[in-house]
Amino acid sequence: MINKRLEGFKIILASRSPRRQYLLKELGLDFEIIPTDVQESYPDTLTPVQIACFLADQKADTFDTSGMETKMIVIAADTIVSLHGEILGKPGSYQEAVTMLKKLSG
């Protein structure tokens, strides 16, 4: 049903995320991957939800839509993990990943 509604649209995934790619494939959608290079910085007054929205907006805004097809959908997203108000960034090493998973598992 979703595929019928998207007929004629070109779908762009603005992400290298294997999980997002998997989800779109599971929906049976044809899409092109055009990742963005956005500096992931944000105002420190934002909540985790606001940070995810802020970064997703920045990723979407990097696309120059002039001259592009009119029936195009750009999917830009971001994920923020927080625990008890602490934002857990992307782990920089295997050990940081293990530490983060231990925190999240209680």
C-alpha atoms as a PDB file:
ATOM      1  CA  MET A   1       0.000   0.000   0.000  1.00  0.00           C
ATOM      2  CA  ILE A   2       2.797   2.426   0.837  1.00  0.00           C
ATOM      3  CA  ASN A   3       4.515   1.591  -2.458  1.00  0.00           C
ATOM      4  CA  LYS A   4       1.387   2.602  -4.402  1.00  0.00           C
ATOM      5  CA  ARG A   5       1.343   6.022  -2.760  1.00  0.00           C
ATOM      6  CA  LEU A   6       5.020   6.566  -3.542  1.00  0.00           C
ATOM      7  CA  GLU A   7       4.812   5.686  -7.233  1.00  0.00           C
ATOM      8  CA  GLY A   8       6.547   8.341  -9.283  1.00  0.00           C
ATOM      9  CA  PHE A   9       8.585   9.646  -6.356  1.00  0.00           C
ATOM     10  CA  LYS A  10      12.352   9.421  -6.184  1.00  0.00           C
ATOM     11  CA  ILE A  11      13.418   8.551  -2.639  1.00  0.00           C
ATOM     12  CA  ILE A  12      16.759   9.750  -1.284  1.00  0.00           C
ATOM     13  CA  LEU A  13      18.172   8.397   1.979  1.00  0.00           C
ATOM     14  CA  ALA A  14      20.497  11.026   3.430  1.00  0.00           C
ATOM     15  CA  SER A  15      22.302   8.512   5.613  1.00  0.00           C
ATOM     16  CA  ARG A  16      24.916   5.778   5.600  1.00  0.00           C
ATOM     17  CA  SER A  17      23.026   3.991   8.377  1.00  0.00           C
ATOM     18  CA  PRO A  18      22.780   0.265   7.630  1.00  0.00           C
ATOM     19  CA  ARG A  19      19.701   0.082   9.852  1.00  0.00           C
ATOM     20  CA  ARG A  20      17.840   2.802   7.936  1.00  0.00           C
ATOM     21  CA  GLN A  21      18.797   1.141   4.644  1.00  0.00           C
ATOM     22  CA  TYR A  22      17.509  -2.177   5.959  1.00  0.00           C
ATOM     23  CA  LEU A  23      14.199  -0.646   7.053  1.00  0.00           C
ATOM     24  CA  LEU A  24      13.571   0.941   3.647  1.00  0.00           C
ATOM     25  CA  LYS A  25      14.461  -2.321   1.882  1.00  0.00           C
ATOM     26  CA  GLU A  26      12.070  -4.199   4.165  1.00  0.00           C
ATOM     27  CA  LEU A  27       9.336  -1.800   3.049  1.00  0.00           C
ATOM     28  CA  GLY A  28      10.161  -2.765  -0.530  1.00  0.00           C
ATOM     29  CA  LEU A  29      11.167   0.765  -1.475  1.00  0.00           C
ATOM     30  CA  ASP A  30      13.643   1.713  -4.167  1.00  0.00           C
ATOM     31  CA  PHE A  31      15.912   4.481  -2.945  1.00  0.00           C
ATOM     32  CA  GLU A  32      19.219   6.164  -3.569  1.00  0.00           C
ATOM     33  CA  ILE A  33      21.750   6.718  -0.801  1.00  0.00           C
ATOM     34  CA  ILE A  34      23.231  10.223  -0.740  1.00  0.00           C
ATOM     35  CA  PRO A  35      24.798  10.713   2.689  1.00  0.00           C
ATOM     36  CA  THR A  36      25.355  14.188   4.043  1.00  0.00           C
ATOM     37  CA  ASP A  37      28.432  15.543   5.751  1.00  0.00           C
ATOM     38  CA  VAL A  38      26.990  17.606   8.565  1.00  0.00           C
ATOM     39  CA  GLN A  39      28.982  18.675  11.592  1.00  0.00           C
ATOM     40  CA  GLU A  40      27.033  17.105  14.432  1.00  0.00           C
ATOM     41  CA  SER A  41      27.113  20.077  16.771  1.00  0.00           C
ATOM     42  CA  TYR A  42      24.086  21.624  18.402  1.00  0.00           C
ATOM     43  CA  PRO A  43      23.147  24.198  21.041  1.00  0.00           C
ATOM     44  CA  ASP A  44      23.694  22.774  24.526  1.00  0.00           C
ATOM     45  CA  THR A  45      20.268  23.978  25.656  1.00  0.00           C
ATOM     46  CA  LEU A  46      18.419  21.365  23.584  1.00  0.00           C
ATOM     47  CA  THR A  47      16.785  18.215  24.938  1.00  0.00           C
ATOM     48  CA  PRO A  48      17.705  14.857  23.364  1.00  0.00           C
ATOM     49  CA  VAL A  49      14.544  14.886  21.227  1.00  0.00           C
ATOM     50  CA  GLN A  50      15.261  18.446  20.090  1.00  0.00           C
ATOM     51  CA  ILE A  51      18.859  17.487  19.264  1.00  0.00           C
ATOM     52  CA  ALA A  52      17.729  14.632  17.016  1.00  0.00           C
ATOM     53  CA  CYS A  53      15.283  16.948  15.217  1.00  0.00           C
ATOM     54  CA  PHE A  54      17.879  19.733  14.943  1.00  0.00           C
ATOM     55  CA  LEU A  55      20.474  17.417  13.376  1.00  0.00           C
ATOM     56  CA  ALA A  56      17.940  15.795  11.039  1.00  0.00           C
ATOM     57  CA  ASP A  57      16.856  19.258   9.860  1.00  0.00           C
ATOM     58  CA  GLN A  58      20.481  20.212   9.218  1.00  0.00           C
ATOM     59  CA  LYS A  59      21.008  17.049   7.174  1.00  0.00           C
ATOM     60  CA  ALA A  60      17.881  17.716   5.114  1.00  0.00           C
ATOM     61  CA  ASP A  61      18.850  21.363   4.604  1.00  0.00           C
ATOM     62  CA  THR A  62      22.167  20.385   2.973  1.00  0.00           C
ATOM     63  CA  PHE A  63      20.317  19.198  -0.127  1.00  0.00           C
ATOM     64  CA  ASP A  64      20.184  21.719  -2.930  1.00  0.00           C
ATOM     65  CA  THR A  65      16.802  20.914  -4.389  1.00  0.00           C
ATOM     66  CA  SER A  66      17.015  23.451  -7.205  1.00  0.00           C
ATOM     67  CA  GLY A  67      17.084  21.606 -10.491  1.00  0.00           C
ATOM     68  CA  MET A  68      16.086  18.337  -8.851  1.00  0.00           C
ATOM     69  CA  GLU A  69      13.004  16.356  -9.604  1.00  0.00           C
ATOM     70  CA  THR A  70       9.831  17.795  -8.122  1.00  0.00           C
ATOM     71  CA  LYS A  71       8.525  14.421  -6.991  1.00  0.00           C
ATOM     72  CA  MET A  72      11.356  13.632  -4.625  1.00  0.00           C
ATOM     73  CA  ILE A  73      11.401  12.629  -0.981  1.00  0.00           C
ATOM     74  CA  VAL A  74      14.542  13.146   1.098  1.00  0.00           C
ATOM     75  CA  ILE A  75      14.708  11.062   4.259  1.00  0.00           C
ATOM     76  CA  ALA A  76      17.060  12.596   6.812  1.00  0.00           C
ATOM     77  CA  ALA A  77      17.167  11.358  10.389  1.00  0.00           C
ATOM     78  CA  ASP A  78      19.318  11.272  13.470  1.00  0.00           C
ATOM     79  CA  THR A  79      19.423   9.160  16.598  1.00  0.00           C
ATOM     80  CA  ILE A  80      20.362  10.350  20.060  1.00  0.00           C
ATOM     81  CA  VAL A  81      20.851   7.952  22.940  1.00  0.00           C
ATOM     82  CA  SER A  82      20.434   9.365  26.423  1.00  0.00           C
ATOM     83  CA  LEU A  83      20.325   7.804  29.847  1.00  0.00           C
ATOM     84  CA  HIS A  84      19.140   9.730  32.904  1.00  0.00           C
ATOM     85  CA  GLY A  85      19.693  13.023  31.072  1.00  0.00           C
ATOM     86  CA  GLU A  86      23.218  12.112  29.916  1.00  0.00           C
ATOM     87  CA  ILE A  87      23.652  12.074  26.158  1.00  0.00           C
ATOM     88  CA  LEU A  88      25.700   9.091  25.073  1.00  0.00           C
ATOM     89  CA  GLY A  89      27.554   9.977  21.889  1.00  0.00           C
ATOM     90  CA  LYS A  90      28.902   7.572  19.322  1.00  0.00           C
ATOM     91  CA  PRO A  91      31.535   5.367  20.911  1.00  0.00           C
ATOM     92  CA  GLY A  92      35.026   6.122  19.661  1.00  0.00           C
ATOM     93  CA  SER A  93      36.448   2.703  20.438  1.00  0.00           C
ATOM     94  CA  TYR A  94      35.495  -0.857  21.215  1.00  0.00           C
ATOM     95  CA  GLN A  95      36.022  -0.237  24.929  1.00  0.00           C
ATOM     96  CA  GLU A  96      33.771   2.852  24.868  1.00  0.00           C
ATOM     97  CA  ALA A  97      31.085   0.772  23.137  1.00  0.00           C
ATOM     98  CA  VAL A  98      31.320  -1.916  25.824  1.00  0.00           C
ATOM     99  CA  THR A  99      31.096   0.726  28.571  1.00  0.00           C
ATOM    100  CA  MET A 100      28.051   2.304  26.901  1.00  0.00           C
ATOM    101  CA  LEU A 101      26.267  -1.037  26.521  1.00  0.00           C
ATOM    102  CA  LYS A 102      26.916  -1.836  30.179  1.00  0.00           C
ATOM    103  CA  LYS A 103      25.405   1.526  31.204  1.00  0.00           C
ATOM    104  CA  LEU A 104      22.356   0.925  29.035  1.00  0.00           C
ATOM    105  CA  SER A 105      21.805  -2.610  30.290  1.00  0.00           C
ATOM    106  CA  GLY A 106      21.759  -1.445  33.904  1.00  0.00           C
END
